[in-house]
Amino acid sequence: IWQEDHPVRACSAALEMMEKLKDLQTGWKERGIPKIDIGIGISTGKLTVGNMGSTTRFDYTVMGDSVNLGSRLEGLNKEYGTHVIVPKYTHEDVKDRFIMRQLDLIRVKGKMVPIHIYELMGSADTGRLREAAGLSDAGFQAYLRKDWDKAESSFKKTLEILPNDGPATTFLKRIAALREQGVPADWDGVFVMTKK
């Protein structure tokens, strides 16, 4: 059923899922059950929905580029130590309702045009979440300009607010590697995703 505000609903559902997961993790820890974590990829766009298959076997499902991208974004959470990733066009639909930060510029497997991706961080500024998002955004922009000193400074300040921040840690490692190995002549800042 079409919902006019489907991007907002999807992001709200993802954040609710993460809150419920925290509650479950607490209970599991008390019972000695190993921690289980999840990643969520949200991608809004055109798709085909309905019963797919033949008369002998079919499923009610969704198909399309948006579905495939959502799946790839879900897997990228492991790369950044995040939980919810959205592409730019979803970000544009919801940015005024949630705290988000630009995460990276990536090229997914099978596509030539790079896309901007964002982390959905929350719906309310708990503590200094918005400040951390701003510092991280500044670090990422400096990274794209190859201004390693400014990028490092911004990501280190992000870690002062969010001590175990996956994206800041990821970019500090990337910058260290680029400083050590040198920047390739054709470097454009795009992270190439090689796996699903």
Protein backbone atom coordinates (compact mmCIF):
# COMPACT_ATOMS: atom_id res chain seq x y z
CA ILE A 1 0.00 0.00 0.00
CA TRP A 2 1.51 3.32 -1.09
CA GLN A 3 2.53 5.62 1.77
CA GLU A 4 3.44 9.21 0.91
CA ASP A 5 6.00 9.34 3.74
CA HIS A 6 7.54 5.91 3.13
CA PRO A 7 11.18 7.09 3.44
CA VAL A 8 10.46 8.56 6.88
CA ARG A 9 8.60 5.42 7.94
CA ALA A 10 11.50 3.23 6.81
CA CYS A 11 14.04 5.30 8.76
CA SER A 12 11.83 5.38 11.86
CA ALA A 13 11.38 1.61 11.66
CA ALA A 14 15.15 1.12 11.37
CA LEU A 15 15.79 3.22 14.47
CA GLU A 16 13.08 1.35 16.38
CA MET A 17 14.70 -1.92 15.34
CA MET A 18 18.05 -0.72 16.72
CA GLU A 19 16.43 0.32 20.03
CA LYS A 20 14.72 -3.07 20.37
CA LEU A 21 18.02 -4.79 19.54
CA LYS A 22 19.72 -2.95 22.44
CA ASP A 23 17.04 -4.26 24.81
CA LEU A 24 17.48 -7.79 23.47
CA GLN A 25 21.27 -7.58 23.75
CA THR A 26 20.97 -6.62 27.43
CA GLY A 27 18.78 -9.65 28.10
CA TRP A 28 21.05 -11.94 26.10
CA LYS A 29 24.12 -10.72 27.99
CA GLU A 30 22.43 -11.48 31.32
CA ARG A 31 21.68 -15.01 30.09
CA GLY A 32 25.19 -15.55 28.69
CA ILE A 33 24.06 -15.50 25.05
CA PRO A 34 26.64 -14.07 22.60
CA LYS A 35 25.99 -10.59 21.23
CA ILE A 36 24.16 -10.49 17.91
CA ASP A 37 24.33 -7.29 15.87
CA ILE A 38 22.60 -6.16 12.68
CA GLY A 39 23.05 -3.78 9.78
CA ILE A 40 20.24 -2.12 7.84
CA GLY A 41 20.30 -0.71 4.31
CA ILE A 42 17.47 1.59 3.27
CA SER A 43 17.07 2.46 -0.39
CA THR A 44 13.94 4.14 -1.70
CA GLY A 45 12.96 4.22 -5.35
CA LYS A 46 11.02 2.46 -8.05
CA LEU A 47 10.59 -1.27 -7.81
CA THR A 48 8.30 -4.11 -8.76
CA VAL A 49 6.24 -5.70 -6.00
CA GLY A 50 3.94 -8.69 -6.05
CA ASN A 51 3.82 -12.43 -6.60
CA MET A 52 6.84 -13.46 -8.67
CA GLY A 53 7.53 -16.84 -10.19
CA SER A 54 5.42 -19.47 -11.91
CA THR A 55 2.29 -21.48 -11.21
CA THR A 56 4.37 -24.15 -9.45
CA ARG A 57 6.44 -21.84 -7.25
CA PHE A 58 6.12 -18.17 -6.44
CA ASP A 59 6.77 -15.69 -3.67
CA TYR A 60 5.42 -12.28 -2.80
CA THR A 61 8.55 -10.14 -3.11
CA VAL A 62 10.14 -6.93 -4.37
CA MET A 63 12.61 -6.56 -7.23
CA GLY A 64 14.60 -3.70 -8.73
CA ASP A 65 17.76 -1.61 -8.47
CA SER A 66 16.56 0.02 -5.24
CA VAL A 67 16.17 -3.39 -3.61
CA ASN A 68 19.63 -4.50 -4.76
CA LEU A 69 21.22 -1.28 -3.52
CA GLY A 70 19.51 -1.61 -0.13
CA SER A 71 20.99 -5.08 0.19
CA ARG A 72 24.48 -3.83 -0.68
CA LEU A 73 24.18 -0.94 1.78
CA GLU A 74 23.15 -3.37 4.51
CA GLY A 75 26.39 -5.28 3.98
CA LEU A 76 28.48 -2.08 4.02
CA ASN A 77 27.69 -1.49 7.69
CA LYS A 78 30.46 -3.98 8.49
CA GLU A 79 32.95 -1.80 6.59
CA TYR A 80 32.17 1.31 8.65
CA GLY A 81 31.04 -0.07 12.01
CA THR A 82 27.60 1.48 11.52
CA HIS A 83 24.04 0.16 11.71
CA VAL A 84 21.89 2.05 9.17
CA ILE A 85 23.04 3.34 5.77
CA VAL A 86 21.00 5.20 3.15
CA PRO A 87 21.86 6.58 -0.32
CA LYS A 88 21.76 10.30 -1.16
CA TYR A 89 18.28 10.28 -2.68
CA THR A 90 16.78 8.74 0.48
CA HIS A 91 18.82 11.16 2.59
CA GLU A 92 17.32 14.10 0.66
CA ASP A 93 13.80 12.91 1.52
CA VAL A 94 14.42 12.59 5.27
CA LYS A 95 17.34 14.84 6.23
CA ASP A 96 15.15 17.35 8.08
CA ARG A 97 13.66 14.65 10.31
CA PHE A 98 16.78 12.75 11.42
CA ILE A 99 20.40 13.21 12.43
CA MET A 100 22.54 11.95 9.56
CA ARG A 101 26.10 12.27 8.36
CA GLN A 102 27.74 11.78 5.02
CA LEU A 103 29.53 8.49 5.23
CA ASP A 104 31.35 8.02 1.94
CA LEU A 105 31.33 8.17 -1.83
CA ILE A 106 31.14 4.60 -3.12
CA ARG A 107 30.91 2.63 -6.32
CA VAL A 108 28.89 -0.53 -5.89
CA LYS A 109 29.63 -3.72 -7.76
CA GLY A 110 28.06 -3.67 -11.22
CA LYS A 111 27.64 0.14 -11.37
CA MET A 112 29.97 2.79 -12.80
CA VAL A 113 28.52 5.97 -11.28
CA PRO A 114 29.56 6.53 -7.64
CA ILE A 115 26.89 7.35 -5.07
CA HIS A 116 26.97 9.32 -1.83
CA ILE A 117 25.93 7.33 1.20
CA TYR A 118 24.85 8.54 4.62
CA GLU A 119 24.55 7.07 8.08
CA LEU A 120 21.21 7.40 9.83
CA MET A 121 22.38 8.19 13.36
CA GLY A 122 19.19 9.00 15.23
CA SER A 123 15.97 10.96 15.42
CA ALA A 124 16.89 13.18 18.36
CA ASP A 125 20.12 14.79 19.48
CA THR A 126 21.07 12.63 22.43
CA GLY A 127 24.14 14.18 23.98
CA ARG A 128 26.29 15.72 21.27
CA LEU A 129 25.24 13.52 18.36
CA ARG A 130 24.58 16.45 15.99
CA GLU A 131 28.00 17.94 16.81
CA ALA A 132 29.69 14.60 16.11
CA ALA A 133 27.83 14.35 12.79
CA GLY A 134 29.02 17.85 11.83
CA LEU A 135 32.64 17.07 12.71
CA SER A 136 32.48 13.82 10.76
CA ASP A 137 31.01 15.62 7.73
CA ALA A 138 33.83 18.20 7.89
CA GLY A 139 36.37 15.38 8.11
CA PHE A 140 34.91 13.63 5.10
CA GLN A 141 34.94 16.82 2.98
CA ALA A 142 38.59 17.41 3.96
CA TYR A 143 39.35 13.78 3.07
CA LEU A 144 37.92 14.27 -0.44
CA ARG A 145 40.13 17.39 -0.85
CA LYS A 146 43.17 15.34 0.33
CA ASP A 147 43.56 17.71 3.28
CA TRP A 148 44.74 14.91 5.55
CA ASP A 149 45.60 17.12 8.55
CA LYS A 150 42.14 18.71 8.71
CA ALA A 151 40.44 15.37 8.07
CA GLU A 152 42.42 13.68 10.85
CA SER A 153 41.69 16.52 13.26
CA SER A 154 37.93 16.35 12.55
CA PHE A 155 37.77 12.57 12.89
CA LYS A 156 39.79 12.65 16.14
CA LYS A 157 37.35 15.25 17.55
CA THR A 158 34.50 12.98 16.48
CA LEU A 159 36.09 10.19 18.54
CA GLU A 160 36.21 12.49 21.58
CA ILE A 161 32.40 12.67 21.42
CA LEU A 162 31.76 9.10 20.20
CA PRO A 163 34.75 7.09 21.51
CA ASN A 164 34.07 3.92 19.51
CA ASP A 165 32.90 5.61 16.31
CA GLY A 166 33.35 3.22 13.40
CA PRO A 167 33.39 5.75 10.53
CA ALA A 168 35.96 8.02 12.22
CA THR A 169 38.19 5.01 12.95
CA THR A 170 37.78 3.74 9.37
CA PHE A 171 38.81 7.07 7.84
CA LEU A 172 41.76 7.55 10.19
CA LYS A 173 43.05 4.15 9.02
CA ARG A 174 42.48 5.07 5.36
CA ILE A 175 44.30 8.38 5.77
CA ALA A 176 47.24 6.65 7.49
CA ALA A 177 47.44 4.17 4.60
CA LEU A 178 47.29 6.95 1.99
CA ARG A 179 50.03 8.88 3.79
CA GLU A 180 52.21 5.77 3.94
CA GLN A 181 51.57 4.39 0.45
CA GLY A 182 51.02 7.69 -1.34
CA VAL A 183 47.96 8.81 -3.23
CA PRO A 184 47.45 7.08 -6.61
CA ALA A 185 47.42 9.48 -9.58
CA ASP A 186 43.83 8.56 -10.43
CA TRP A 187 42.53 8.81 -6.82
CA ASP A 188 39.06 10.37 -6.74
CA GLY A 189 38.06 9.57 -3.17
CA VAL A 190 35.61 6.89 -4.28
CA PHE A 191 35.54 3.69 -2.24
CA VAL A 192 35.02 0.75 -4.57
CA MET A 193 32.77 -1.91 -3.09
CA THR A 194 34.05 -5.29 -4.23
CA LYS A 195 31.67 -7.57 -2.31
CA LYS A 196 27.97 -7.72 -1.56
